[in-house]
Amino acid sequence: MNDIVFTLEFDDDVANSDANEFLKKGWTLLHVGSKLIEILDNGQAYYNTVYVVGANQQQYDEYKTELENDSFASLLDS
């Protein structure tokens, strides 16, 4: 794991699917755990599963290129 240069964390309702997409591209699964999202009005805790994936330099460069070419992401930046 010494070659990990970048990490992403997913913790929303589609975190599993998002993490799996990066794992299919060869990213490394670094951590699976739980994350407190909020405390509900009734005092109950709401948790989501969190996934952390890591990329080597080549995977990170490909990720940055994909972001640059993503028209939806560029709309969010404006």
PDB file of N, CA and C in Angstrom:
ATOM      1  N   MET A   1       0.816  -1.202   0.000  1.00  0.00           N
ATOM      2  CA  MET A   1       0.000   0.000   0.000  1.00  0.00           C
ATOM      3  C   MET A   1       0.855   1.261   0.000  1.00  0.00           C
ATOM      4  N   ASN A   2       2.128   1.120  -0.129  1.00  0.00           N
ATOM      5  CA  ASN A   2       2.992   2.289  -0.141  1.00  0.00           C
ATOM      6  C   ASN A   2       2.810   3.146  -1.371  1.00  0.00           C
ATOM      7  N   ASP A   3       2.167   2.588  -2.398  1.00  0.00           N
ATOM      8  CA  ASP A   3       2.006   3.358  -3.628  1.00  0.00           C
ATOM      9  C   ASP A   3       0.699   4.151  -3.670  1.00  0.00           C
ATOM     10  N   ILE A   4      -0.067   4.180  -2.600  1.00  0.00           N
ATOM     11  CA  ILE A   4      -1.322   4.940  -2.546  1.00  0.00           C
ATOM     12  C   ILE A   4      -0.987   6.429  -2.468  1.00  0.00           C
ATOM     13  N   VAL A   5      -1.525   7.202  -3.421  1.00  0.00           N
ATOM     14  CA  VAL A   5      -1.263   8.641  -3.446  1.00  0.00           C
ATOM     15  C   VAL A   5      -2.536   9.472  -3.273  1.00  0.00           C
ATOM     16  N   PHE A   6      -3.705   8.805  -3.316  1.00  0.00           N
ATOM     17  CA  PHE A   6      -4.972   9.530  -3.254  1.00  0.00           C
ATOM     18  C   PHE A   6      -6.036   8.598  -2.711  1.00  0.00           C
ATOM     19  N   THR A   7      -6.943   9.139  -1.890  1.00  0.00           N
ATOM     20  CA  THR A   7      -8.040   8.332  -1.353  1.00  0.00           C
ATOM     21  C   THR A   7      -9.376   9.025  -1.577  1.00  0.00           C
ATOM     22  N   LEU A   8     -10.412   8.220  -1.657  1.00  0.00           N
ATOM     23  CA  LEU A   8     -11.793   8.695  -1.708  1.00  0.00           C
ATOM     24  C   LEU A   8     -12.581   7.979  -0.628  1.00  0.00           C
ATOM     25  N   GLU A   9     -13.523   8.698  -0.034  1.00  0.00           N
ATOM     26  CA  GLU A   9     -14.405   8.124   0.978  1.00  0.00           C
ATOM     27  C   GLU A   9     -15.843   8.242   0.493  1.00  0.00           C
ATOM     28  N   PHE A  10     -16.569   7.144   0.585  1.00  0.00           N
ATOM     29  CA  PHE A  10     -17.980   7.120   0.206  1.00  0.00           C
ATOM     30  C   PHE A  10     -18.801   6.734   1.431  1.00  0.00           C
ATOM     31  N   ASP A  11     -19.853   7.517   1.721  1.00  0.00           N
ATOM     32  CA  ASP A  11     -20.663   7.206   2.898  1.00  0.00           C
ATOM     33  C   ASP A  11     -22.140   7.516   2.709  1.00  0.00           C
ATOM     34  N   ASP A  12     -22.584   7.659   1.478  1.00  0.00           N
ATOM     35  CA  ASP A  12     -23.999   7.944   1.255  1.00  0.00           C
ATOM     36  C   ASP A  12     -24.757   6.654   0.954  1.00  0.00           C
ATOM     37  N   ASP A  13     -25.983   6.777   0.509  1.00  0.00           N
ATOM     38  CA  ASP A  13     -26.830   5.601   0.295  1.00  0.00           C
ATOM     39  C   ASP A  13     -26.384   4.725  -0.874  1.00  0.00           C
ATOM     40  N   VAL A  14     -25.540   5.234  -1.753  1.00  0.00           N
ATOM     41  CA  VAL A  14     -25.030   4.439  -2.874  1.00  0.00           C
ATOM     42  C   VAL A  14     -23.526   4.194  -2.736  1.00  0.00           C
ATOM     43  N   ALA A  15     -23.020   4.301  -1.520  1.00  0.00           N
ATOM     44  CA  ALA A  15     -21.581   4.170  -1.273  1.00  0.00           C
ATOM     45  C   ALA A  15     -21.043   2.827  -1.744  1.00  0.00           C
ATOM     46  N   ASN A  16     -21.787   1.758  -1.516  1.00  0.00           N
ATOM     47  CA  ASN A  16     -21.335   0.432  -1.916  1.00  0.00           C
ATOM     48  C   ASN A  16     -21.125   0.371  -3.422  1.00  0.00           C
ATOM     49  N   SER A  17     -22.078   0.858  -4.187  1.00  0.00           N
ATOM     50  CA  SER A  17     -21.969   0.843  -5.645  1.00  0.00           C
ATOM     51  C   SER A  17     -20.810   1.715  -6.126  1.00  0.00           C
ATOM     52  N   ASP A  18     -20.678   2.893  -5.515  1.00  0.00           N
ATOM     53  CA  ASP A  18     -19.586   3.795  -5.906  1.00  0.00           C
ATOM     54  C   ASP A  18     -18.226   3.160  -5.624  1.00  0.00           C
ATOM     55  N   ALA A  19     -18.075   2.593  -4.451  1.00  0.00           N
ATOM     56  CA  ALA A  19     -16.803   1.944  -4.106  1.00  0.00           C
ATOM     57  C   ALA A  19     -16.511   0.787  -5.053  1.00  0.00           C
ATOM     58  N   ASN A  20     -17.534   0.005  -5.371  1.00  0.00           N
ATOM     59  CA  ASN A  20     -17.330  -1.131  -6.276  1.00  0.00           C
ATOM     60  C   ASN A  20     -16.879  -0.685  -7.661  1.00  0.00           C
ATOM     61  N   GLU A  21     -17.366   0.444  -8.136  1.00  0.00           N
ATOM     62  CA  GLU A  21     -16.934   0.949  -9.448  1.00  0.00           C
ATOM     63  C   GLU A  21     -15.439   1.248  -9.453  1.00  0.00           C
ATOM     64  N   PHE A  22     -14.939   1.822  -8.372  1.00  0.00           N
ATOM     65  CA  PHE A  22     -13.507   2.104  -8.295  1.00  0.00           C
ATOM     66  C   PHE A  22     -12.697   0.826  -8.099  1.00  0.00           C
ATOM     67  N   LEU A  23     -13.238  -0.125  -7.349  1.00  0.00           N
ATOM     68  CA  LEU A  23     -12.530  -1.397  -7.176  1.00  0.00           C
ATOM     69  C   LEU A  23     -12.413  -2.137  -8.503  1.00  0.00           C
ATOM     70  N   LYS A  24     -13.414  -2.024  -9.363  1.00  0.00           N
ATOM     71  CA  LYS A  24     -13.350  -2.637 -10.692  1.00  0.00           C
ATOM     72  C   LYS A  24     -12.225  -2.036 -11.530  1.00  0.00           C
ATOM     73  N   LYS A  25     -11.877  -0.790 -11.230  1.00  0.00           N
ATOM     74  CA  LYS A  25     -10.792  -0.112 -11.951  1.00  0.00           C
ATOM     75  C   LYS A  25      -9.430  -0.379 -11.325  1.00  0.00           C
ATOM     76  N   GLY A  26      -9.396  -1.237 -10.300  1.00  0.00           N
ATOM     77  CA  GLY A  26      -8.136  -1.623  -9.698  1.00  0.00           C
ATOM     78  C   GLY A  26      -7.729  -0.843  -8.462  1.00  0.00           C
ATOM     79  N   TRP A  27      -8.594   0.074  -8.004  1.00  0.00           N
ATOM     80  CA  TRP A  27      -8.284   0.806  -6.778  1.00  0.00           C
ATOM     81  C   TRP A  27      -8.261  -0.188  -5.618  1.00  0.00           C
ATOM     82  N   THR A  28      -7.660   0.215  -4.512  1.00  0.00           N
ATOM     83  CA  THR A  28      -7.498  -0.652  -3.347  1.00  0.00           C
ATOM     84  C   THR A  28      -8.496  -0.272  -2.262  1.00  0.00           C
ATOM     85  N   LEU A  29      -9.162  -1.281  -1.708  1.00  0.00           N
ATOM     86  CA  LEU A  29     -10.059  -1.046  -0.580  1.00  0.00           C
ATOM     87  C   LEU A  29      -9.211  -0.890   0.675  1.00  0.00           C
ATOM     88  N   LEU A  30      -9.290   0.283   1.300  1.00  0.00           N
ATOM     89  CA  LEU A  30      -8.466   0.581   2.463  1.00  0.00           C
ATOM     90  C   LEU A  30      -9.213   0.423   3.784  1.00  0.00           C
ATOM     91  N   HIS A  31     -10.528   0.657   3.759  1.00  0.00           N
ATOM     92  CA  HIS A  31     -11.276   0.616   5.016  1.00  0.00           C
ATOM     93  C   HIS A  31     -12.762   0.463   4.743  1.00  0.00           C
ATOM     94  N   VAL A  32     -13.425  -0.301   5.586  1.00  0.00           N
ATOM     95  CA  VAL A  32     -14.880  -0.378   5.625  1.00  0.00           C
ATOM     96  C   VAL A  32     -15.266  -0.211   7.086  1.00  0.00           C
ATOM     97  N   GLY A  33     -16.179   0.689   7.344  1.00  0.00           N
ATOM     98  CA  GLY A  33     -16.605   0.918   8.713  1.00  0.00           C
ATOM     99  C   GLY A  33     -17.949   1.611   8.752  1.00  0.00           C
ATOM    100  N   SER A  34     -18.259   2.221   9.862  1.00  0.00           N
ATOM    101  CA  SER A  34     -19.520   2.950   9.985  1.00  0.00           C
ATOM    102  C   SER A  34     -19.224   4.410  10.282  1.00  0.00           C
ATOM    103  N   LYS A  35     -20.156   5.258   9.911  1.00  0.00           N
ATOM    104  CA  LYS A  35     -20.010   6.694  10.116  1.00  0.00           C
ATOM    105  C   LYS A  35     -21.333   7.249  10.634  1.00  0.00           C
ATOM    106  N   LEU A  36     -21.258   7.985  11.719  1.00  0.00           N
ATOM    107  CA  LEU A  36     -22.453   8.618  12.262  1.00  0.00           C
ATOM    108  C   LEU A  36     -22.876   9.743  11.328  1.00  0.00           C
ATOM    109  N   ILE A  37     -24.097   9.664  10.825  1.00  0.00           N
ATOM    110  CA  ILE A  37     -24.610  10.670   9.913  1.00  0.00           C
ATOM    111  C   ILE A  37     -25.366  11.746  10.676  1.00  0.00           C
ATOM    112  N   GLU A  38     -26.236  11.317  11.579  1.00  0.00           N
ATOM    113  CA  GLU A  38     -26.972  12.289  12.393  1.00  0.00           C
ATOM    114  C   GLU A  38     -27.634  11.587  13.575  1.00  0.00           C
ATOM    115  N   ILE A  39     -28.028  12.395  14.530  1.00  0.00           N
ATOM    116  CA  ILE A  39     -28.843  11.920  15.647  1.00  0.00           C
ATOM    117  C   ILE A  39     -30.273  12.388  15.372  1.00  0.00           C
ATOM    118  N   LEU A  40     -31.186  11.449  15.272  1.00  0.00           N
ATOM    119  CA  LEU A  40     -32.572  11.776  14.954  1.00  0.00           C
ATOM    120  C   LEU A  40     -33.256  12.437  16.143  1.00  0.00           C
ATOM    121  N   ASP A  41     -34.414  13.036  15.904  1.00  0.00           N
ATOM    122  CA  ASP A  41     -35.156  13.731  16.960  1.00  0.00           C
ATOM    123  C   ASP A  41     -35.468  12.841  18.158  1.00  0.00           C
ATOM    124  N   ASN A  42     -35.641  11.553  17.895  1.00  0.00           N
ATOM    125  CA  ASN A  42     -35.962  10.628  18.990  1.00  0.00           C
ATOM    126  C   ASN A  42     -34.698  10.117  19.706  1.00  0.00           C
ATOM    127  N   GLY A  43     -33.540  10.658  19.354  1.00  0.00           N
ATOM    128  CA  GLY A  43     -32.289  10.278  19.984  1.00  0.00           C
ATOM    129  C   GLY A  43     -31.590   9.096  19.351  1.00  0.00           C
ATOM    130  N   GLN A  44     -32.221   8.498  18.367  1.00  0.00           N
ATOM    131  CA  GLN A  44     -31.628   7.352  17.688  1.00  0.00           C
ATOM    132  C   GLN A  44     -30.515   7.814  16.750  1.00  0.00           C
ATOM    133  N   ALA A  45     -29.431   7.078  16.744  1.00  0.00           N
ATOM    134  CA  ALA A  45     -28.310   7.398  15.860  1.00  0.00           C
ATOM    135  C   ALA A  45     -28.555   6.790  14.485  1.00  0.00           C
ATOM    136  N   TYR A  46     -28.210   7.549  13.444  1.00  0.00           N
ATOM    137  CA  TYR A  46     -28.335   7.071  12.062  1.00  0.00           C
ATOM    138  C   TYR A  46     -26.930   6.937  11.490  1.00  0.00           C
ATOM    139  N   TYR A  47     -26.561   5.718  11.143  1.00  0.00           N
ATOM    140  CA  TYR A  47     -25.238   5.424  10.607  1.00  0.00           C
ATOM    141  C   TYR A  47     -25.324   4.980   9.159  1.00  0.00           C
ATOM    142  N   ASN A  48     -24.291   5.258   8.405  1.00  0.00           N
ATOM    143  CA  ASN A  48     -24.103   4.692   7.073  1.00  0.00           C
ATOM    144  C   ASN A  48     -22.795   3.918   7.071  1.00  0.00           C
ATOM    145  N   THR A  49     -22.701   2.955   6.180  1.00  0.00           N
ATOM    146  CA  THR A  49     -21.431   2.263   5.982  1.00  0.00           C
ATOM    147  C   THR A  49     -20.520   3.174   5.173  1.00  0.00           C
ATOM    148  N   VAL A  50     -19.266   3.249   5.580  1.00  0.00           N
ATOM    149  CA  VAL A  50     -18.289   4.073   4.877  1.00  0.00           C
ATOM    150  C   VAL A  50     -17.251   3.159   4.238  1.00  0.00           C
ATOM    151  N   TYR A  51     -16.891   3.505   2.997  1.00  0.00           N
ATOM    152  CA  TYR A  51     -15.867   2.780   2.255  1.00  0.00           C
ATOM    153  C   TYR A  51     -14.785   3.778   1.873  1.00  0.00           C
ATOM    154  N   VAL A  52     -13.531   3.393   2.081  1.00  0.00           N
ATOM    155  CA  VAL A  52     -12.398   4.232   1.676  1.00  0.00           C
ATOM    156  C   VAL A  52     -11.587   3.425   0.671  1.00  0.00           C
ATOM    157  N   VAL A  53     -11.380   4.020  -0.501  1.00  0.00           N
ATOM    158  CA  VAL A  53     -10.586   3.378  -1.549  1.00  0.00           C
ATOM    159  C   VAL A  53      -9.385   4.259  -1.853  1.00  0.00           C
ATOM    160  N   GLY A  54      -8.295   3.628  -2.279  1.00  0.00           N
ATOM    161  CA  GLY A  54      -7.073   4.351  -2.579  1.00  0.00           C
ATOM    162  C   GLY A  54      -6.577   4.060  -3.979  1.00  0.00           C
ATOM    163  N   ALA A  55      -5.898   5.049  -4.543  1.00  0.00           N
ATOM    164  CA  ALA A  55      -5.390   4.939  -5.915  1.00  0.00           C
ATOM    165  C   ALA A  55      -3.882   5.142  -5.941  1.00  0.00           C
ATOM    166  N   ASN A  56      -3.225   4.429  -6.856  1.00  0.00           N
ATOM    167  CA  ASN A  56      -1.822   4.702  -7.114  1.00  0.00           C
ATOM    168  C   ASN A  56      -1.733   5.906  -8.062  1.00  0.00           C
ATOM    169  N   GLN A  57      -0.541   6.318  -8.420  1.00  0.00           N
ATOM    170  CA  GLN A  57      -0.390   7.524  -9.227  1.00  0.00           C
ATOM    171  C   GLN A  57      -1.084   7.404 -10.588  1.00  0.00           C
ATOM    172  N   GLN A  58      -0.952   6.261 -11.245  1.00  0.00           N
ATOM    173  CA  GLN A  58      -1.576   6.067 -12.558  1.00  0.00           C
ATOM    174  C   GLN A  58      -3.102   6.142 -12.452  1.00  0.00           C
ATOM    175  N   GLN A  59      -3.677   5.480 -11.464  1.00  0.00           N
ATOM    176  CA  GLN A  59      -5.129   5.503 -11.277  1.00  0.00           C
ATOM    177  C   GLN A  59      -5.603   6.913 -10.934  1.00  0.00           C
ATOM    178  N   TYR A  60      -4.830   7.612 -10.125  1.00  0.00           N
ATOM    179  CA  TYR A  60      -5.194   8.982  -9.760  1.00  0.00           C
ATOM    180  C   TYR A  60      -5.149   9.899 -10.971  1.00  0.00           C
ATOM    181  N   ASP A  61      -4.144   9.750 -11.822  1.00  0.00           N
ATOM    182  CA  ASP A  61      -4.064  10.554 -13.045  1.00  0.00           C
ATOM    183  C   ASP A  61      -5.261  10.287 -13.954  1.00  0.00           C
ATOM    184  N   GLU A  62      -5.660   9.020 -14.071  1.00  0.00           N
ATOM    185  CA  GLU A  62      -6.836   8.668 -14.873  1.00  0.00           C
ATOM    186  C   GLU A  62      -8.095   9.278 -14.269  1.00  0.00           C
ATOM    187  N   TYR A  63      -8.197   9.241 -12.945  1.00  0.00           N
ATOM    188  CA  TYR A  63      -9.350   9.826 -12.246  1.00  0.00           C
ATOM    189  C   TYR A  63      -9.435  11.329 -12.520  1.00  0.00           C
ATOM    190  N   LYS A  64      -8.309  12.032 -12.433  1.00  0.00           N
ATOM    191  CA  LYS A  64      -8.299  13.480 -12.689  1.00  0.00           C
ATOM    192  C   LYS A  64      -8.707  13.779 -14.130  1.00  0.00           C
ATOM    193  N   THR A  65      -8.248  12.953 -15.071  1.00  0.00           N
ATOM    194  CA  THR A  65      -8.620  13.137 -16.476  1.00  0.00           C
ATOM    195  C   THR A  65     -10.117  12.927 -16.662  1.00  0.00           C
ATOM    196  N   GLU A  66     -10.669  11.911 -16.014  1.00  0.00           N
ATOM    197  CA  GLU A  66     -12.112  11.665 -16.098  1.00  0.00           C
ATOM    198  C   GLU A  66     -12.892  12.853 -15.552  1.00  0.00           C
ATOM    199  N   LEU A  67     -12.420  13.436 -14.452  1.00  0.00           N
ATOM    200  CA  LEU A  67     -13.099  14.606 -13.884  1.00  0.00           C
ATOM    201  C   LEU A  67     -13.054  15.795 -14.833  1.00  0.00           C
ATOM    202  N   GLU A  68     -11.922  16.001 -15.486  1.00  0.00           N
ATOM    203  CA  GLU A  68     -11.780  17.112 -16.429  1.00  0.00           C
ATOM    204  C   GLU A  68     -12.722  16.951 -17.614  1.00  0.00           C
ATOM    205  N   ASN A  69     -12.973  15.701 -18.017  1.00  0.00           N
ATOM    206  CA  ASN A  69     -13.818  15.421 -19.176  1.00  0.00           C
ATOM    207  C   ASN A  69     -15.281  15.223 -18.817  1.00  0.00           C
ATOM    208  N   ASP A  70     -15.624  15.308 -17.540  1.00  0.00           N
ATOM    209  CA  ASP A  70     -16.985  15.097 -17.077  1.00  0.00           C
ATOM    210  C   ASP A  70     -17.765  16.407 -17.178  1.00  0.00           C
ATOM    211  N   SER A  71     -18.696  16.483 -18.110  1.00  0.00           N
ATOM    212  CA  SER A  71     -19.442  17.720 -18.321  1.00  0.00           C
ATOM    213  C   SER A  71     -20.319  18.066 -17.123  1.00  0.00           C
ATOM    214  N   PHE A  72     -20.836  17.059 -16.410  1.00  0.00           N
ATOM    215  CA  PHE A  72     -21.654  17.331 -15.231  1.00  0.00           C
ATOM    216  C   PHE A  72     -20.806  17.948 -14.122  1.00  0.00           C
ATOM    217  N   ALA A  73     -19.620  17.415 -13.917  1.00  0.00           N
ATOM    218  CA  ALA A  73     -18.728  17.954 -12.878  1.00  0.00           C
ATOM    219  C   ALA A  73     -18.357  19.393 -13.190  1.00  0.00           C
ATOM    220  N   SER A  74     -18.165  19.708 -14.467  1.00  0.00           N
ATOM    221  CA  SER A  74     -17.806  21.094 -14.817  1.00  0.00           C
ATOM    222  C   SER A  74     -18.976  22.038 -14.562  1.00  0.00           C
ATOM    223  N   LEU A  75     -20.207  21.541 -14.668  1.00  0.00           N
ATOM    224  CA  LEU A  75     -21.366  22.379 -14.352  1.00  0.00           C
ATOM    225  C   LEU A  75     -21.422  22.710 -12.868  1.00  0.00           C
ATOM    226  N   LEU A  76     -20.984  21.768 -12.036  1.00  0.00           N
ATOM    227  CA  LEU A  76     -20.985  22.004 -10.602  1.00  0.00           C
ATOM    228  C   LEU A  76     -19.950  23.048 -10.196  1.00  0.00           C
ATOM    229  N   ASP A  77     -18.867  23.143 -10.970  1.00  0.00           N
ATOM    230  CA  ASP A  77     -17.810  24.104 -10.668  1.00  0.00           C
ATOM    231  C   ASP A  77     -18.188  25.534 -11.033  1.00  0.00           C
ATOM    232  N   SER A  78     -19.186  25.712 -11.916  1.00  0.00           N
ATOM    233  CA  SER A  78     -19.527  27.070 -12.347  1.00  0.00           C
ATOM    234  C   SER A  78     -20.493  27.771 -11.432  1.00  0.00           C
TER     235      SER A  78
END
